[in-house]
C-alpha atoms as a PDB file:
ATOM      1  CA  MET A   1     139.324  41.705 159.058  1.00  0.00           C
ATOM      2  CA  ALA A   2     138.122  44.376 161.469  1.00  0.00           C
ATOM      3  CA  LEU A   3     135.480  42.751 163.671  1.00  0.00           C
ATOM      4  CA  ARG A   4     133.932  44.997 166.243  1.00  0.00           C
ATOM      5  CA  MET A   5     131.857  43.520 169.060  1.00  0.00           C
ATOM      6  CA  LEU A   6     128.610  45.469 169.336  1.00  0.00           C
ATOM      7  CA  GLY A   7     127.165  43.666 172.315  1.00  0.00           C
ATOM      8  CA  LYS A   8     126.721  40.498 174.326  1.00  0.00           C
ATOM      9  CA  ASP A   9     123.506  39.190 175.818  1.00  0.00           C
ATOM     10  CA  PRO A  10     123.480  40.684 179.319  1.00  0.00           C
ATOM     11  CA  GLU A  11     121.402  37.741 180.573  1.00  0.00           C
ATOM     12  CA  SER A  12     123.684  35.029 179.184  1.00  0.00           C
ATOM     13  CA  PRO A  13     125.202  32.660 181.720  1.00  0.00           C
ATOM     14  CA  GLU A  14     128.942  33.305 181.948  1.00  0.00           C
ATOM     15  CA  GLY A  15     128.560  36.120 179.366  1.00  0.00           C
ATOM     16  CA  LYS A  16     129.730  33.989 176.438  1.00  0.00           C
ATOM     17  CA  SER A  17     126.803  34.071 174.030  1.00  0.00           C
ATOM     18  CA  PRO A  18     124.909  35.374 172.115  1.00  0.00           C
ATOM     19  CA  THR A  19     127.027  38.154 170.674  1.00  0.00           C
ATOM     20  CA  VAL A  20     126.611  40.579 167.763  1.00  0.00           C
ATOM     21  CA  TYR A  21     129.635  41.757 165.759  1.00  0.00           C
ATOM     22  CA  LEU A  22     130.091  44.216 162.902  1.00  0.00           C
ATOM     23  CA  ASP A  23     132.667  43.556 160.188  1.00  0.00           C
ATOM     24  CA  ASP A  24     133.718  47.078 159.184  1.00  0.00           C
ATOM     25  CA  GLU A  25     135.505  45.894 156.034  1.00  0.00           C
ATOM     26  CA  LYS A  26     132.649  43.799 154.612  1.00  0.00           C
ATOM     27  CA  ASP A  27     129.871  45.965 156.109  1.00  0.00           C
ATOM     28  CA  THR A  28     128.142  42.857 157.470  1.00  0.00           C
ATOM     29  CA  TYR A  29     126.966  41.545 160.827  1.00  0.00           C
ATOM     30  CA  LEU A  30     128.148  38.320 162.425  1.00  0.00           C
ATOM     31  CA  VAL A  31     125.830  36.793 164.983  1.00  0.00           C
ATOM     32  CA  GLN A  32     126.897  34.232 167.550  1.00  0.00           C
ATOM     33  CA  GLY A  33     123.906  32.436 168.975  1.00  0.00           C
ATOM     34  CA  TRP A  34     122.346  29.139 169.862  1.00  0.00           C
ATOM     35  CA  LYS A  35     122.541  26.470 167.188  1.00  0.00           C
ATOM     36  CA  VAL A  36     119.105  25.583 165.829  1.00  0.00           C
ATOM     37  CA  ASP A  37     118.939  21.779 165.756  1.00  0.00           C
ATOM     38  CA  ASP A  38     115.145  21.413 165.797  1.00  0.00           C
ATOM     39  CA  GLY A  39     114.309  19.733 162.469  1.00  0.00           C
ATOM     40  CA  GLU A  40     110.713  21.001 162.466  1.00  0.00           C
ATOM     41  CA  ARG A  41     111.829  24.626 162.814  1.00  0.00           C
ATOM     42  CA  ARG A  42     114.647  24.203 160.284  1.00  0.00           C
ATOM     43  CA  ALA A  43     112.185  22.703 157.781  1.00  0.00           C
ATOM     44  CA  GLN A  44     110.285  26.009 157.803  1.00  0.00           C
ATOM     45  CA  LEU A  45     113.394  27.864 156.583  1.00  0.00           C
ATOM     46  CA  ASP A  46     114.668  28.050 153.017  1.00  0.00           C
ATOM     47  CA  LEU A  47     118.338  27.406 153.857  1.00  0.00           C
ATOM     48  CA  PRO A  48     120.786  26.791 151.027  1.00  0.00           C
ATOM     49  CA  GLY A  49     123.528  24.264 151.773  1.00  0.00           C
ATOM     50  CA  HIS A  50     126.147  26.998 152.207  1.00  0.00           C
ATOM     51  CA  GLU A  51     124.154  28.817 154.925  1.00  0.00           C
ATOM     52  CA  ASP A  52     123.039  28.074 158.469  1.00  0.00           C
ATOM     53  CA  VAL A  53     120.928  29.705 161.136  1.00  0.00           C
ATOM     54  CA  VAL A  54     121.477  30.634 164.770  1.00  0.00           C
ATOM     55  CA  GLU A  55     118.984  31.946 167.267  1.00  0.00           C
ATOM     56  CA  ILE A  56     119.286  34.997 169.493  1.00  0.00           C
ATOM     57  CA  PRO A  57     116.794  36.481 171.962  1.00  0.00           C
ATOM     58  CA  ARG A  58     114.747  39.493 170.927  1.00  0.00           C
ATOM     59  CA  ARG A  59     116.547  41.649 173.513  1.00  0.00           C
ATOM     60  CA  MET A  60     119.723  41.392 171.376  1.00  0.00           C
ATOM     61  CA  VAL A  61     118.229  43.542 168.588  1.00  0.00           C
ATOM     62  CA  GLN A  62     119.350  46.616 170.537  1.00  0.00           C
ATOM     63  CA  PHE A  63     122.912  45.916 169.415  1.00  0.00           C
ATOM     64  CA  PHE A  64     122.180  46.358 165.703  1.00  0.00           C
ATOM     65  CA  LEU A  65     123.215  49.894 164.801  1.00  0.00           C
ATOM     66  CA  GLU A  66     120.238  50.756 162.606  1.00  0.00           C
ATOM     67  CA  VAL A  67     117.798  50.061 165.448  1.00  0.00           C
ATOM     68  CA  ASN A  68     119.453  52.842 167.423  1.00  0.00           C
ATOM     69  CA  GLY A  69     119.440  55.212 164.446  1.00  0.00           C
ATOM     70  CA  VAL A  70     123.209  54.992 164.008  1.00  0.00           C
ATOM     71  CA  ASP A  71     124.633  55.162 160.507  1.00  0.00           C
ATOM     72  CA  ARG A  72     127.369  52.534 160.136  1.00  0.00           C
ATOM     73  CA  THR A  73     129.697  55.159 158.722  1.00  0.00           C
ATOM     74  CA  ASP A  74     129.293  57.172 161.934  1.00  0.00           C
ATOM     75  CA  ALA A  75     129.850  54.245 164.320  1.00  0.00           C
END
């Protein structure tokens, strides 16, 4: 597996989270964020049993390649 870290939240205490990664082999993103435990918010999501959700701040979107006009094959 070839995970490539695209960026960490510059405002995160201790710089540990959230983080966005790209898996070059699977061509997918992995997102490390805050666990969503709020039952009311989770109830609004259609989450299958094999999936989960994490939360990241809006400022983290800058680390997704497409937002910056970068083709994944060029990155």
